[in-house]
């Protein structure tokens, strides 16, 4: 599905991984009822556990009266019960690193803006 040669080399491997994530998202999580954030979270879960397994988890969440379109505190609860903590921790770690990185970027932007306002 991704058609990237030489994936044992760093650059093609990164390219293949990002292309595969894009493929998973657009094939399995295109539902407009899923927020952009949850599409990404489901994609990471599917990358780790497999798209078919995540589809089953979403169906089970729905039968448990949890929202099948929301990862945190919904489908992740089913994932933790059915397949253990690995996938739940994987998705959570990526999200935490994203938030930390976004906070750093926002702080740097705010600092630059403040300096330009006071003429430094």
N, C-alpha and C. Protein backbone atom coordinates (compact mmCIF):
# COMPACT_ATOMS: atom_id res chain seq x y z
N UNK A 1 0.81 -1.22 0.00
CA UNK A 1 0.00 0.00 0.00
C UNK A 1 0.84 1.27 0.00
N UNK A 2 2.11 1.15 0.36
CA UNK A 2 2.91 2.37 0.44
C UNK A 2 3.98 2.46 -0.63
N UNK A 3 4.46 1.32 -1.12
CA UNK A 3 5.38 1.29 -2.26
C UNK A 3 6.63 2.16 -2.10
N UNK A 4 7.31 2.02 -0.99
CA UNK A 4 8.55 2.75 -0.74
C UNK A 4 9.69 1.74 -0.69
N UNK A 5 10.67 1.84 -1.59
CA UNK A 5 11.80 0.89 -1.56
C UNK A 5 12.83 1.28 -0.50
N UNK A 6 13.74 0.37 -0.21
CA UNK A 6 14.89 0.61 0.68
C UNK A 6 14.50 1.05 2.08
N UNK A 7 13.48 0.41 2.67
CA UNK A 7 13.02 0.88 3.98
C UNK A 7 13.98 0.55 5.12
N UNK A 8 15.08 -0.14 4.80
CA UNK A 8 16.08 -0.40 5.84
C UNK A 8 16.98 0.82 6.04
N UNK A 9 16.89 1.78 5.14
CA UNK A 9 17.62 3.04 5.29
C UNK A 9 16.70 4.04 6.01
N UNK A 10 17.31 4.96 6.73
CA UNK A 10 16.57 5.86 7.61
C UNK A 10 15.51 6.69 6.88
N UNK A 11 15.91 7.45 5.88
CA UNK A 11 14.97 8.36 5.21
C UNK A 11 13.80 7.63 4.56
N UNK A 12 14.06 6.56 3.77
CA UNK A 12 12.91 5.84 3.20
C UNK A 12 12.04 5.19 4.28
N UNK A 13 12.64 4.77 5.40
CA UNK A 13 11.87 4.16 6.47
C UNK A 13 10.91 5.18 7.09
N UNK A 14 11.40 6.38 7.34
CA UNK A 14 10.55 7.44 7.89
C UNK A 14 9.45 7.79 6.90
N UNK A 15 9.81 7.91 5.64
CA UNK A 15 8.83 8.21 4.59
C UNK A 15 7.77 7.12 4.53
N UNK A 16 8.20 5.86 4.58
CA UNK A 16 7.25 4.73 4.53
C UNK A 16 6.33 4.75 5.74
N UNK A 17 6.90 5.01 6.92
CA UNK A 17 6.08 5.04 8.13
C UNK A 17 5.02 6.11 8.09
N UNK A 18 5.39 7.31 7.66
CA UNK A 18 4.41 8.40 7.59
C UNK A 18 3.37 8.13 6.50
N UNK A 19 3.80 7.55 5.39
CA UNK A 19 2.85 7.22 4.32
C UNK A 19 1.87 6.13 4.79
N UNK A 20 2.39 5.17 5.55
CA UNK A 20 1.53 4.11 6.07
C UNK A 20 0.52 4.68 7.08
N UNK A 21 0.96 5.58 7.95
CA UNK A 21 0.03 6.21 8.89
C UNK A 21 -1.07 6.96 8.14
N UNK A 22 -0.69 7.68 7.11
CA UNK A 22 -1.66 8.40 6.29
C UNK A 22 -2.65 7.43 5.64
N UNK A 23 -2.13 6.32 5.13
CA UNK A 23 -2.98 5.29 4.53
C UNK A 23 -3.99 4.75 5.55
N UNK A 24 -3.51 4.40 6.74
CA UNK A 24 -4.41 3.86 7.78
C UNK A 24 -5.50 4.87 8.10
N UNK A 25 -5.11 6.12 8.32
CA UNK A 25 -6.09 7.15 8.68
C UNK A 25 -7.16 7.30 7.61
N UNK A 26 -6.74 7.39 6.37
CA UNK A 26 -7.69 7.65 5.29
C UNK A 26 -8.50 6.42 4.89
N UNK A 27 -8.02 5.26 5.21
CA UNK A 27 -8.77 4.04 4.87
C UNK A 27 -9.74 3.64 5.97
N UNK A 28 -9.34 3.78 7.22
CA UNK A 28 -10.13 3.23 8.32
C UNK A 28 -10.82 4.28 9.21
N UNK A 29 -10.38 5.50 9.18
CA UNK A 29 -10.90 6.48 10.14
C UNK A 29 -11.33 7.78 9.47
N UNK A 30 -11.98 7.66 8.35
CA UNK A 30 -12.40 8.83 7.58
C UNK A 30 -13.78 9.34 8.00
N UNK A 31 -14.43 8.61 8.88
CA UNK A 31 -15.78 8.95 9.36
C UNK A 31 -15.83 10.40 9.86
N UNK A 32 -16.76 11.21 9.34
CA UNK A 32 -16.84 12.61 9.77
C UNK A 32 -17.27 12.76 11.23
N UNK A 33 -17.79 11.69 11.85
CA UNK A 33 -18.18 11.74 13.26
C UNK A 33 -16.97 11.61 14.19
N UNK A 34 -15.80 11.31 13.62
CA UNK A 34 -14.58 11.20 14.41
C UNK A 34 -13.82 12.53 14.28
N UNK A 35 -13.48 13.13 15.41
CA UNK A 35 -12.75 14.40 15.37
C UNK A 35 -11.37 14.18 14.75
N UNK A 36 -10.74 15.27 14.32
CA UNK A 36 -9.40 15.17 13.75
C UNK A 36 -8.42 14.55 14.74
N UNK A 37 -8.51 14.99 15.99
CA UNK A 37 -7.62 14.44 17.02
C UNK A 37 -7.84 12.94 17.18
N UNK A 38 -9.09 12.51 17.28
CA UNK A 38 -9.35 11.09 17.48
C UNK A 38 -9.00 10.27 16.24
N UNK A 39 -9.10 10.85 15.06
CA UNK A 39 -8.63 10.14 13.86
C UNK A 39 -7.16 9.81 13.99
N UNK A 40 -6.39 10.78 14.48
CA UNK A 40 -4.95 10.57 14.66
C UNK A 40 -4.70 9.53 15.75
N UNK A 41 -5.41 9.64 16.86
CA UNK A 41 -5.22 8.70 17.96
C UNK A 41 -5.58 7.28 17.54
N UNK A 42 -6.69 7.11 16.83
CA UNK A 42 -7.06 5.78 16.33
C UNK A 42 -6.02 5.26 15.34
N UNK A 43 -5.47 6.16 14.55
CA UNK A 43 -4.44 5.75 13.60
C UNK A 43 -3.21 5.22 14.33
N UNK A 44 -2.79 5.90 15.37
CA UNK A 44 -1.65 5.40 16.15
C UNK A 44 -1.97 4.05 16.79
N UNK A 45 -3.19 3.92 17.31
CA UNK A 45 -3.59 2.65 17.91
C UNK A 45 -3.58 1.54 16.86
N UNK A 46 -4.07 1.85 15.67
CA UNK A 46 -4.11 0.85 14.59
C UNK A 46 -2.71 0.52 14.10
N UNK A 47 -1.84 1.48 14.10
CA UNK A 47 -0.44 1.24 13.72
C UNK A 47 0.20 0.25 14.69
N UNK A 48 -0.16 0.36 15.95
CA UNK A 48 0.40 -0.49 16.98
C UNK A 48 -0.29 -1.85 17.08
N UNK A 49 -1.61 -1.87 17.02
CA UNK A 49 -2.37 -3.10 17.28
C UNK A 49 -3.02 -3.70 16.04
N UNK A 50 -3.10 -2.92 14.96
CA UNK A 50 -3.74 -3.38 13.74
C UNK A 50 -5.10 -2.75 13.54
N UNK A 51 -5.42 -2.35 12.32
CA UNK A 51 -6.70 -1.69 12.04
C UNK A 51 -7.92 -2.56 12.35
N UNK A 52 -7.84 -3.85 12.04
CA UNK A 52 -8.99 -4.72 12.29
C UNK A 52 -9.28 -4.82 13.79
N UNK A 53 -8.23 -4.89 14.57
CA UNK A 53 -8.41 -4.98 16.02
C UNK A 53 -9.03 -3.70 16.56
N UNK A 54 -8.58 -2.55 16.08
CA UNK A 54 -9.15 -1.29 16.54
C UNK A 54 -10.61 -1.19 16.12
N UNK A 55 -10.96 -1.67 14.95
CA UNK A 55 -12.37 -1.69 14.52
C UNK A 55 -13.21 -2.53 15.49
N UNK A 56 -12.69 -3.67 15.90
CA UNK A 56 -13.40 -4.52 16.87
C UNK A 56 -13.54 -3.81 18.21
N UNK A 57 -12.48 -3.13 18.63
CA UNK A 57 -12.54 -2.39 19.89
C UNK A 57 -13.59 -1.29 19.85
N UNK A 58 -13.68 -0.61 18.72
CA UNK A 58 -14.69 0.45 18.57
C UNK A 58 -16.09 -0.12 18.63
N UNK A 59 -16.30 -1.27 17.98
CA UNK A 59 -17.62 -1.93 18.03
C UNK A 59 -17.97 -2.35 19.45
N UNK A 60 -17.00 -2.89 20.16
CA UNK A 60 -17.24 -3.30 21.53
C UNK A 60 -17.52 -2.09 22.42
N UNK A 61 -16.81 -0.99 22.19
CA UNK A 61 -17.06 0.22 22.97
C UNK A 61 -18.50 0.67 22.80
N UNK A 62 -18.98 0.62 21.57
CA UNK A 62 -20.36 1.02 21.30
C UNK A 62 -21.33 0.13 22.06
N UNK A 63 -21.08 -1.18 22.07
CA UNK A 63 -21.97 -2.10 22.78
C UNK A 63 -21.91 -1.90 24.29
N UNK A 64 -20.84 -1.30 24.78
CA UNK A 64 -20.70 -1.01 26.21
C UNK A 64 -21.20 0.39 26.56
N UNK A 65 -21.86 1.04 25.61
CA UNK A 65 -22.38 2.40 25.79
C UNK A 65 -21.28 3.44 25.94
N UNK A 66 -20.10 3.13 25.38
CA UNK A 66 -19.01 4.10 25.30
C UNK A 66 -19.02 4.67 23.89
N UNK A 67 -18.42 5.83 23.71
CA UNK A 67 -18.40 6.46 22.39
C UNK A 67 -17.32 5.82 21.52
N UNK A 68 -17.72 5.15 20.43
CA UNK A 68 -16.75 4.47 19.58
C UNK A 68 -15.91 5.43 18.73
N UNK A 69 -16.24 6.71 18.77
CA UNK A 69 -15.52 7.70 17.98
C UNK A 69 -14.53 8.52 18.80
N UNK A 70 -14.37 8.16 20.07
CA UNK A 70 -13.46 8.88 20.96
C UNK A 70 -12.50 7.88 21.58
N UNK A 71 -11.21 8.17 21.47
CA UNK A 71 -10.20 7.26 22.01
C UNK A 71 -10.14 7.34 23.53
N UNK A 72 -9.75 8.50 24.08
CA UNK A 72 -9.52 8.62 25.51
C UNK A 72 -10.80 8.39 26.31
N UNK A 73 -10.69 7.56 27.35
CA UNK A 73 -11.79 7.24 28.26
C UNK A 73 -12.98 6.55 27.59
N UNK A 74 -12.79 6.09 26.38
CA UNK A 74 -13.84 5.36 25.68
C UNK A 74 -13.23 4.10 25.06
N UNK A 75 -12.77 4.18 23.84
CA UNK A 75 -12.20 3.00 23.17
C UNK A 75 -10.93 2.54 23.89
N UNK A 76 -10.18 3.46 24.46
CA UNK A 76 -8.96 3.05 25.18
C UNK A 76 -9.29 2.16 26.37
N UNK A 77 -10.47 2.33 26.98
CA UNK A 77 -10.89 1.48 28.10
C UNK A 77 -11.04 0.04 27.62
N UNK A 78 -11.66 -0.12 26.48
CA UNK A 78 -11.84 -1.46 25.90
C UNK A 78 -10.48 -2.03 25.49
N UNK A 79 -9.64 -1.20 24.91
CA UNK A 79 -8.31 -1.66 24.50
C UNK A 79 -7.53 -2.18 25.70
N UNK A 80 -7.57 -1.45 26.79
CA UNK A 80 -6.84 -1.87 27.99
C UNK A 80 -7.34 -3.23 28.49
N UNK A 81 -8.64 -3.44 28.42
CA UNK A 81 -9.23 -4.72 28.88
C UNK A 81 -8.92 -5.86 27.94
N UNK A 82 -8.99 -5.60 26.65
CA UNK A 82 -8.90 -6.68 25.66
C UNK A 82 -7.48 -7.02 25.24
N UNK A 83 -6.65 -5.99 25.08
CA UNK A 83 -5.30 -6.29 24.56
C UNK A 83 -4.19 -5.84 25.49
N UNK A 84 -4.55 -5.28 26.63
CA UNK A 84 -3.54 -4.87 27.60
C UNK A 84 -3.13 -3.43 27.44
N UNK A 85 -2.12 -3.05 28.20
CA UNK A 85 -1.71 -1.66 28.28
C UNK A 85 -0.82 -1.19 27.15
N UNK A 86 -0.24 -2.10 26.38
CA UNK A 86 0.76 -1.68 25.39
C UNK A 86 0.23 -0.63 24.43
N UNK A 87 -0.88 -0.92 23.76
CA UNK A 87 -1.43 0.03 22.79
C UNK A 87 -1.90 1.31 23.46
N UNK A 88 -2.53 1.17 24.62
CA UNK A 88 -3.00 2.34 25.37
C UNK A 88 -1.82 3.24 25.74
N UNK A 89 -0.75 2.63 26.22
CA UNK A 89 0.43 3.39 26.60
C UNK A 89 1.12 4.01 25.38
N UNK A 90 1.14 3.27 24.29
CA UNK A 90 1.74 3.75 23.04
C UNK A 90 1.05 5.04 22.58
N UNK A 91 -0.26 5.01 22.51
CA UNK A 91 -1.02 6.18 22.07
C UNK A 91 -0.85 7.32 23.07
N UNK A 92 -0.93 7.02 24.35
CA UNK A 92 -0.80 8.04 25.39
C UNK A 92 0.57 8.70 25.35
N UNK A 93 1.62 7.92 25.17
CA UNK A 93 2.96 8.49 25.12
C UNK A 93 3.14 9.44 23.93
N UNK A 94 2.67 9.03 22.78
CA UNK A 94 2.77 9.90 21.60
C UNK A 94 2.03 11.20 21.85
N UNK A 95 0.83 11.11 22.43
CA UNK A 95 0.04 12.30 22.69
C UNK A 95 0.74 13.21 23.71
N UNK A 96 1.31 12.62 24.76
CA UNK A 96 2.02 13.42 25.76
C UNK A 96 3.21 14.14 25.14
N UNK A 97 3.97 13.44 24.30
CA UNK A 97 5.11 14.08 23.65
C UNK A 97 4.66 15.20 22.72
N UNK A 98 3.55 14.98 22.03
CA UNK A 98 3.00 16.02 21.16
C UNK A 98 2.65 17.26 21.98
N UNK A 99 1.95 17.06 23.11
CA UNK A 99 1.57 18.19 23.95
C UNK A 99 2.79 18.93 24.49
N UNK A 100 3.80 18.18 24.90
CA UNK A 100 5.02 18.80 25.41
C UNK A 100 5.70 19.62 24.31
N UNK A 101 5.80 19.06 23.13
CA UNK A 101 6.42 19.76 22.02
C UNK A 101 5.61 21.02 21.66
N UNK A 102 4.29 20.89 21.61
CA UNK A 102 3.44 22.04 21.29
C UNK A 102 3.60 23.14 22.33
N UNK A 103 3.73 22.76 23.61
CA UNK A 103 3.92 23.76 24.66
C UNK A 103 5.25 24.49 24.48
N UNK A 104 6.28 23.77 24.12
CA UNK A 104 7.60 24.39 23.89
C UNK A 104 7.52 25.37 22.72
N UNK A 105 6.90 24.96 21.64
CA UNK A 105 6.78 25.82 20.47
C UNK A 105 5.96 27.07 20.81
N UNK A 106 4.86 26.88 21.55
CA UNK A 106 4.03 28.03 21.94
C UNK A 106 4.80 28.99 22.84
N UNK A 107 5.58 28.44 23.77
CA UNK A 107 6.37 29.28 24.66
C UNK A 107 7.42 30.07 23.88
N UNK A 108 8.09 29.41 22.95
CA UNK A 108 9.09 30.10 22.14
C UNK A 108 8.46 31.20 21.31
N UNK A 109 7.29 30.93 20.77
CA UNK A 109 6.58 31.93 19.97
C UNK A 109 6.19 33.11 20.85
N UNK A 110 5.68 32.83 22.04
CA UNK A 110 5.29 33.90 22.96
C UNK A 110 6.49 34.73 23.38
N UNK A 111 7.61 34.09 23.63
CA UNK A 111 8.82 34.80 24.03
C UNK A 111 9.30 35.71 22.90
N UNK A 112 9.32 35.21 21.68
CA UNK A 112 9.73 36.05 20.53
C UNK A 112 8.79 37.22 20.35
N UNK A 113 7.49 36.98 20.50
CA UNK A 113 6.52 38.05 20.36
C UNK A 113 6.72 39.11 21.43
N UNK A 114 6.92 38.67 22.67
CA UNK A 114 7.15 39.61 23.77
C UNK A 114 8.39 40.45 23.52
N UNK A 115 9.46 39.82 23.08
CA UNK A 115 10.70 40.55 22.82
C UNK A 115 10.52 41.56 21.71
N UNK A 116 9.77 41.20 20.68
CA UNK A 116 9.58 42.15 19.58
C UNK A 116 8.69 43.31 20.01
N UNK A 117 7.77 43.08 20.94
CA UNK A 117 6.90 44.16 21.42
C UNK A 117 7.64 45.16 22.29
N UNK A 118 8.63 44.64 23.03
CA UNK A 118 9.38 45.57 23.90
C UNK A 118 10.67 46.07 23.25
N UNK A 119 10.88 45.67 21.99
CA UNK A 119 11.99 46.19 21.22
C UNK A 119 13.34 45.54 21.48
N UNK A 120 13.38 44.34 21.89
CA UNK A 120 14.67 43.66 22.11
C UNK A 120 15.11 42.93 20.88
